[in-house]
């Protein structure tokens, strides 16, 4: 009788531990999604204003207005060691 109660108690503890891990995972996912939603709202607000949209258009589409020039600066590649 005591062993049956002990096994049931161990099973319940194992289920509680598993549920706690699942809850922790879900909580972390919710936090990540909330952070992404906040970032997305900031992006939407920024891109809704021409002062924020124009730099994004320049950088992503490489599009410029009349009388503008786009200068693309790339890092210099490291020189290859010369062979003797």
C-alpha atoms as a PDB file:
ATOM      1  CA  UNK A   1       0.000   0.000   0.000  1.00  0.00           C
ATOM      2  CA  UNK A   2       2.783   2.456   0.928  1.00  0.00           C
ATOM      3  CA  UNK A   3       4.713   1.644  -2.226  1.00  0.00           C
ATOM      4  CA  UNK A   4       1.623   2.334  -4.363  1.00  0.00           C
ATOM      5  CA  UNK A   5       1.179   5.710  -2.688  1.00  0.00           C
ATOM      6  CA  UNK A   6       4.907   6.393  -3.141  1.00  0.00           C
ATOM      7  CA  UNK A   7       4.762   5.604  -6.860  1.00  0.00           C
ATOM      8  CA  UNK A   8       1.708   7.814  -7.334  1.00  0.00           C
ATOM      9  CA  UNK A   9       3.403  10.626  -5.423  1.00  0.00           C
ATOM     10  CA  UNK A  10       6.565  10.297  -7.559  1.00  0.00           C
ATOM     11  CA  UNK A  11       4.471  10.339 -10.759  1.00  0.00           C
ATOM     12  CA  UNK A  12       2.642  13.481  -9.652  1.00  0.00           C
ATOM     13  CA  UNK A  13       5.923  15.209  -8.772  1.00  0.00           C
ATOM     14  CA  UNK A  14       7.349  14.262 -12.179  1.00  0.00           C
ATOM     15  CA  UNK A  15       4.272  15.689 -13.930  1.00  0.00           C
ATOM     16  CA  UNK A  16       4.563  18.899 -11.893  1.00  0.00           C
ATOM     17  CA  UNK A  17       8.232  19.281 -12.832  1.00  0.00           C
ATOM     18  CA  UNK A  18       7.399  18.683 -16.499  1.00  0.00           C
ATOM     19  CA  UNK A  19       4.584  21.241 -16.368  1.00  0.00           C
ATOM     20  CA  UNK A  20       6.891  23.747 -14.680  1.00  0.00           C
ATOM     21  CA  UNK A  21       9.427  23.371 -17.506  1.00  0.00           C
ATOM     22  CA  UNK A  22       6.670  23.755 -20.094  1.00  0.00           C
ATOM     23  CA  UNK A  23       5.359  26.845 -18.324  1.00  0.00           C
ATOM     24  CA  UNK A  24       8.858  28.298 -18.214  1.00  0.00           C
ATOM     25  CA  UNK A  25       9.282  27.695 -21.957  1.00  0.00           C
ATOM     26  CA  UNK A  26       5.936  29.297 -22.751  1.00  0.00           C
ATOM     27  CA  UNK A  27       6.735  32.275 -20.513  1.00  0.00           C
ATOM     28  CA  UNK A  28      10.038  32.781 -22.352  1.00  0.00           C
ATOM     29  CA  UNK A  29       8.248  32.577 -25.718  1.00  0.00           C
ATOM     30  CA  UNK A  30       5.643  35.119 -24.582  1.00  0.00           C
ATOM     31  CA  UNK A  31       8.407  37.482 -23.441  1.00  0.00           C
ATOM     32  CA  UNK A  32      10.190  37.136 -26.774  1.00  0.00           C
ATOM     33  CA  UNK A  33       6.972  37.774 -28.698  1.00  0.00           C
ATOM     34  CA  UNK A  34       6.169  40.826 -26.573  1.00  0.00           C
ATOM     35  CA  UNK A  35       9.648  42.227 -27.240  1.00  0.00           C
ATOM     36  CA  UNK A  36       9.215  41.608 -30.973  1.00  0.00           C
ATOM     37  CA  UNK A  37       5.786  43.262 -30.925  1.00  0.00           C
ATOM     38  CA  UNK A  38       7.261  46.306 -29.186  1.00  0.00           C
ATOM     39  CA  UNK A  39      10.077  46.467 -31.739  1.00  0.00           C
ATOM     40  CA  UNK A  40       7.570  46.125 -34.593  1.00  0.00           C
ATOM     41  CA  UNK A  41       5.387  48.936 -33.188  1.00  0.00           C
ATOM     42  CA  UNK A  42       8.437  51.204 -32.986  1.00  0.00           C
ATOM     43  CA  UNK A  43       9.364  50.314 -36.577  1.00  0.00           C
ATOM     44  CA  UNK A  44       5.817  51.001 -37.803  1.00  0.00           C
ATOM     45  CA  UNK A  45       5.746  54.353 -36.014  1.00  0.00           C
ATOM     46  CA  UNK A  46       9.170  55.272 -37.436  1.00  0.00           C
ATOM     47  CA  UNK A  47       8.321  54.222 -40.991  1.00  0.00           C
ATOM     48  CA  UNK A  48       4.976  56.052 -40.890  1.00  0.00           C
ATOM     49  CA  UNK A  49       6.877  59.333 -40.714  1.00  0.00           C
ATOM     50  CA  UNK A  50       8.756  60.477 -43.843  1.00  0.00           C
ATOM     51  CA  UNK A  51      11.745  61.460 -41.687  1.00  0.00           C
ATOM     52  CA  UNK A  52      12.064  57.826 -40.668  1.00  0.00           C
ATOM     53  CA  UNK A  53      10.992  56.238 -43.956  1.00  0.00           C
ATOM     54  CA  UNK A  54      13.393  58.095 -46.244  1.00  0.00           C
ATOM     55  CA  UNK A  55      16.607  56.772 -44.612  1.00  0.00           C
ATOM     56  CA  UNK A  56      15.120  53.261 -44.687  1.00  0.00           C
ATOM     57  CA  UNK A  57      14.304  53.626 -48.392  1.00  0.00           C
ATOM     58  CA  UNK A  58      17.836  54.790 -49.055  1.00  0.00           C
ATOM     59  CA  UNK A  59      19.471  51.940 -47.176  1.00  0.00           C
ATOM     60  CA  UNK A  60      17.211  49.065 -48.233  1.00  0.00           C
ATOM     61  CA  UNK A  61      16.266  49.962 -51.781  1.00  0.00           C
ATOM     62  CA  UNK A  62      19.303  52.063 -52.597  1.00  0.00           C
ATOM     63  CA  UNK A  63      16.891  54.596 -54.027  1.00  0.00           C
ATOM     64  CA  UNK A  64      17.692  58.301 -54.140  1.00  0.00           C
ATOM     65  CA  UNK A  65      15.795  61.438 -55.123  1.00  0.00           C
ATOM     66  CA  UNK A  66      16.814  63.784 -57.903  1.00  0.00           C
ATOM     67  CA  UNK A  67      20.041  65.653 -57.093  1.00  0.00           C
ATOM     68  CA  UNK A  68      21.020  63.038 -54.499  1.00  0.00           C
ATOM     69  CA  UNK A  69      23.840  60.549 -54.639  1.00  0.00           C
ATOM     70  CA  UNK A  70      24.193  57.315 -52.760  1.00  0.00           C
ATOM     71  CA  UNK A  71      27.690  56.396 -51.667  1.00  0.00           C
ATOM     72  CA  UNK A  72      28.091  52.793 -50.581  1.00  0.00           C
ATOM     73  CA  UNK A  73      31.019  52.187 -48.287  1.00  0.00           C
ATOM     74  CA  UNK A  74      32.147  48.616 -47.816  1.00  0.00           C
ATOM     75  CA  UNK A  75      34.912  47.444 -45.523  1.00  0.00           C
ATOM     76  CA  UNK A  76      38.220  46.876 -47.221  1.00  0.00           C
ATOM     77  CA  UNK A  77      39.089  43.236 -47.623  1.00  0.00           C
ATOM     78  CA  UNK A  78      42.101  42.100 -45.699  1.00  0.00           C
ATOM     79  CA  UNK A  79      45.142  41.590 -47.894  1.00  0.00           C
ATOM     80  CA  UNK A  80      46.093  37.999 -48.563  1.00  0.00           C
ATOM     81  CA  UNK A  81      49.523  37.043 -47.306  1.00  0.00           C
ATOM     82  CA  UNK A  82      51.866  36.871 -50.242  1.00  0.00           C
ATOM     83  CA  UNK A  83      53.488  33.575 -51.057  1.00  0.00           C
ATOM     84  CA  UNK A  84      57.293  33.468 -50.877  1.00  0.00           C
END
